[in-house]
């Protein structure tokens, strides 16, 4: 995975090109950004890795994913790092796609 001191663009590039199997323990939050749709959904990367080829990268999966509500492609995505439910540490979100990733 990307080094902690890499630029935001460098982190994004490294994460998008990483095979899912290298990011188990993290989550992927996605949103189609369609008004009136059900909004953001969060998936365990471990579960996604079980569904896709072991060589599939985060970028590959985001290109293949479609919204369960409206069928549109992913318009915004974040790698969610951080705590298990019982920890008091705040999770960190790394913008991969969408308006936050362009900023």
Protein backbone atom coordinates (compact mmCIF):
# COMPACT_ATOMS: atom_id res chain seq x y z
CA UNK A 1 0.00 0.00 0.00
CA UNK A 2 1.02 3.64 -0.41
CA UNK A 3 3.50 5.17 1.97
CA UNK A 4 2.00 7.38 4.64
CA UNK A 5 4.08 10.37 3.55
CA UNK A 6 3.23 10.11 -0.17
CA UNK A 7 1.26 12.90 -1.82
CA UNK A 8 -2.52 12.49 -2.04
CA UNK A 9 -2.19 11.77 -5.77
CA UNK A 10 0.57 9.22 -5.09
CA UNK A 11 -1.53 7.48 -2.45
CA UNK A 12 -4.55 7.39 -4.78
CA UNK A 13 -2.50 5.93 -7.62
CA UNK A 14 -0.94 3.29 -5.38
CA UNK A 15 -4.27 2.26 -3.86
CA UNK A 16 -6.08 2.07 -7.21
CA UNK A 17 -3.33 -0.17 -8.63
CA UNK A 18 -3.14 -2.43 -5.54
CA UNK A 19 -4.58 -5.94 -5.74
CA UNK A 20 -7.51 -6.40 -3.36
CA UNK A 21 -5.67 -9.17 -1.49
CA UNK A 22 -3.13 -6.57 -0.30
CA UNK A 23 -5.78 -4.41 1.36
CA UNK A 24 -7.73 -6.92 3.43
CA UNK A 25 -8.88 -5.36 6.67
CA UNK A 26 -9.91 -2.13 4.98
CA UNK A 27 -13.26 -1.11 3.51
CA UNK A 28 -14.29 0.51 0.26
CA UNK A 29 -17.05 3.13 0.39
CA UNK A 30 -18.74 3.89 -2.95
CA UNK A 31 -21.49 6.20 -4.15
CA UNK A 32 -23.10 6.74 -7.57
CA UNK A 33 -23.90 10.37 -6.56
CA UNK A 34 -27.29 10.11 -8.27
CA UNK A 35 -29.90 12.36 -6.59
CA UNK A 36 -32.61 10.26 -4.98
CA UNK A 37 -30.56 7.08 -5.02
CA UNK A 38 -29.73 5.22 -1.81
CA UNK A 39 -26.34 6.88 -1.36
CA UNK A 40 -23.09 5.55 -0.03
CA UNK A 41 -22.47 1.86 0.49
CA UNK A 42 -19.50 0.32 2.31
CA UNK A 43 -17.94 -3.02 1.39
CA UNK A 44 -15.27 -5.03 3.15
CA UNK A 45 -12.30 -5.43 0.82
CA UNK A 46 -11.93 -8.99 2.11
CA UNK A 47 -15.47 -9.74 0.86
CA UNK A 48 -14.77 -8.04 -2.48
CA UNK A 49 -11.56 -10.05 -2.90
CA UNK A 50 -13.59 -13.24 -2.45
CA UNK A 51 -15.94 -12.15 -5.25
CA UNK A 52 -13.34 -11.05 -7.78
CA UNK A 53 -10.24 -12.58 -9.32
CA UNK A 54 -7.32 -12.59 -6.89
CA UNK A 55 -5.40 -10.34 -9.29
CA UNK A 56 -8.14 -7.69 -9.53
CA UNK A 57 -7.02 -4.25 -8.40
CA UNK A 58 -9.10 -1.69 -6.54
CA UNK A 59 -9.32 0.31 -9.79
CA UNK A 60 -10.52 -2.77 -11.73
CA UNK A 61 -13.28 -3.41 -9.20
CA UNK A 62 -14.41 0.23 -9.17
CA UNK A 63 -14.70 0.17 -12.98
CA UNK A 64 -16.81 -3.02 -12.83
CA UNK A 65 -19.10 -1.99 -9.96
CA UNK A 66 -22.61 -0.69 -10.60
CA UNK A 67 -25.09 0.83 -8.17
CA UNK A 68 -27.62 -1.69 -6.87
CA UNK A 69 -30.28 1.04 -6.85
CA UNK A 70 -29.95 2.72 -10.25
CA UNK A 71 -27.35 0.70 -12.17
CA UNK A 72 -25.00 3.65 -12.72
CA UNK A 73 -21.24 3.32 -12.30
CA UNK A 74 -19.37 4.41 -9.19
CA UNK A 75 -18.87 8.19 -9.23
CA UNK A 76 -17.15 8.59 -5.86
CA UNK A 77 -15.10 6.13 -3.81
CA UNK A 78 -13.02 6.13 -0.64
CA UNK A 79 -10.69 3.63 0.97
CA UNK A 80 -11.77 3.53 4.60
CA UNK A 81 -8.98 2.70 7.00
CA UNK A 82 -9.10 2.47 10.69
CA UNK A 83 -10.78 1.05 13.66
CA UNK A 84 -12.86 -1.94 14.32
CA UNK A 85 -16.26 -1.06 15.72
CA UNK A 86 -15.17 -1.13 19.37
CA UNK A 87 -12.13 1.14 19.07
CA UNK A 88 -12.31 4.82 19.87
CA UNK A 89 -9.99 5.88 17.07
CA UNK A 90 -11.52 7.73 14.15
CA UNK A 91 -11.38 6.03 10.78
CA UNK A 92 -9.59 7.73 7.91
CA UNK A 93 -11.02 8.05 4.41
CA UNK A 94 -8.76 8.33 1.39
CA UNK A 95 -10.62 9.75 -1.61
CA UNK A 96 -10.07 7.59 -4.70
CA UNK A 97 -12.71 8.89 -7.14
CA UNK A 98 -15.07 11.85 -7.27
CA UNK A 99 -15.02 15.49 -6.24
CA UNK A 100 -12.85 14.98 -3.13
CA UNK A 101 -10.21 13.11 -5.16
CA UNK A 102 -9.87 15.97 -7.63
CA UNK A 103 -9.32 18.62 -4.96
